[in-house]
């Protein structure tokens, strides 16, 4: 499912920190981004680290944040 939305090894995501659990909520067709819940708070990079770990486990690929380290909207590099 997620692989269909990765374009040029990039994936747009919007995260919701401080959520009850880590999970993929939905795909926003209009914005072409994946909506993801993340348990960690958006402090000192905790949500970013948890997002990377969650996505790496989900995709079984290396994931880095290309853009949006201080924003809820991010672009992930998938390799």
Protein backbone atom coordinates (compact mmCIF):
# COMPACT_ATOMS: atom_id res chain seq x y z
CA UNK A 1 0.00 0.00 0.00
CA UNK A 2 2.59 2.57 1.06
CA UNK A 3 5.00 1.59 -1.72
CA UNK A 4 2.45 2.83 -4.26
CA UNK A 5 2.79 6.37 -2.86
CA UNK A 6 6.60 6.57 -2.83
CA UNK A 7 7.77 8.70 -5.77
CA UNK A 8 11.46 9.09 -6.61
CA UNK A 9 12.31 7.50 -3.25
CA UNK A 10 10.33 10.22 -1.45
CA UNK A 11 7.19 10.12 0.62
CA UNK A 12 5.22 13.10 1.94
CA UNK A 13 3.83 12.62 5.43
CA UNK A 14 1.94 14.61 8.03
CA UNK A 15 2.41 13.46 11.61
CA UNK A 16 0.26 13.86 14.68
CA UNK A 17 2.56 13.68 17.73
CA UNK A 18 1.35 12.77 21.25
CA UNK A 19 -1.02 10.13 19.83
CA UNK A 20 -2.09 7.03 21.78
CA UNK A 21 -0.07 4.75 19.45
CA UNK A 22 2.07 4.74 16.33
CA UNK A 23 -0.09 4.03 13.30
CA UNK A 24 -0.80 5.03 9.74
CA UNK A 25 -4.12 6.88 9.76
CA UNK A 26 -4.91 7.50 6.10
CA UNK A 27 -3.77 8.63 2.67
CA UNK A 28 -4.74 12.20 1.73
CA UNK A 29 -5.33 12.07 -2.04
CA UNK A 30 -5.66 15.83 -2.40
CA UNK A 31 -2.35 16.63 -0.66
CA UNK A 32 -0.73 13.35 -1.74
CA UNK A 33 0.56 12.66 1.76
CA UNK A 34 0.37 9.90 4.33
CA UNK A 35 -1.18 10.84 7.69
CA UNK A 36 0.59 9.14 10.61
CA UNK A 37 0.03 9.08 14.38
CA UNK A 38 3.21 9.11 16.50
CA UNK A 39 3.24 8.48 20.27
CA UNK A 40 6.27 10.66 21.06
CA UNK A 41 6.00 14.37 21.87
CA UNK A 42 7.36 16.94 19.41
CA UNK A 43 10.24 17.88 21.71
CA UNK A 44 13.98 17.58 21.11
CA UNK A 45 13.47 15.46 17.99
CA UNK A 46 11.67 12.64 19.84
CA UNK A 47 8.76 12.48 17.39
CA UNK A 48 11.17 12.52 14.43
CA UNK A 49 13.18 9.61 15.85
CA UNK A 50 10.04 7.63 16.55
CA UNK A 51 8.69 8.39 13.06
CA UNK A 52 11.92 7.13 11.47
CA UNK A 53 11.93 3.95 13.58
CA UNK A 54 8.24 3.30 12.88
CA UNK A 55 8.60 3.81 9.13
CA UNK A 56 11.76 1.70 8.92
CA UNK A 57 9.97 -1.18 10.68
CA UNK A 58 6.89 -0.74 8.49
CA UNK A 59 8.71 -0.46 5.15
CA UNK A 60 11.76 -2.57 6.04
CA UNK A 61 13.88 0.10 4.32
CA UNK A 62 16.19 2.91 5.44
CA UNK A 63 14.25 6.14 6.11
CA UNK A 64 15.57 9.67 6.66
CA UNK A 65 13.83 13.04 6.95
CA UNK A 66 14.70 15.19 3.95
CA UNK A 67 12.54 18.19 4.80
CA UNK A 68 10.35 19.40 7.67
CA UNK A 69 12.33 18.44 10.77
CA UNK A 70 10.50 21.10 12.82
CA UNK A 71 7.12 20.77 11.07
CA UNK A 72 4.26 18.28 11.14
CA UNK A 73 4.58 18.10 7.35
CA UNK A 74 7.66 16.17 6.29
CA UNK A 75 9.29 14.62 3.26
CA UNK A 76 10.92 11.26 3.90
CA UNK A 77 13.68 9.73 1.80
CA UNK A 78 13.21 5.99 1.39
CA UNK A 79 16.16 3.84 0.31
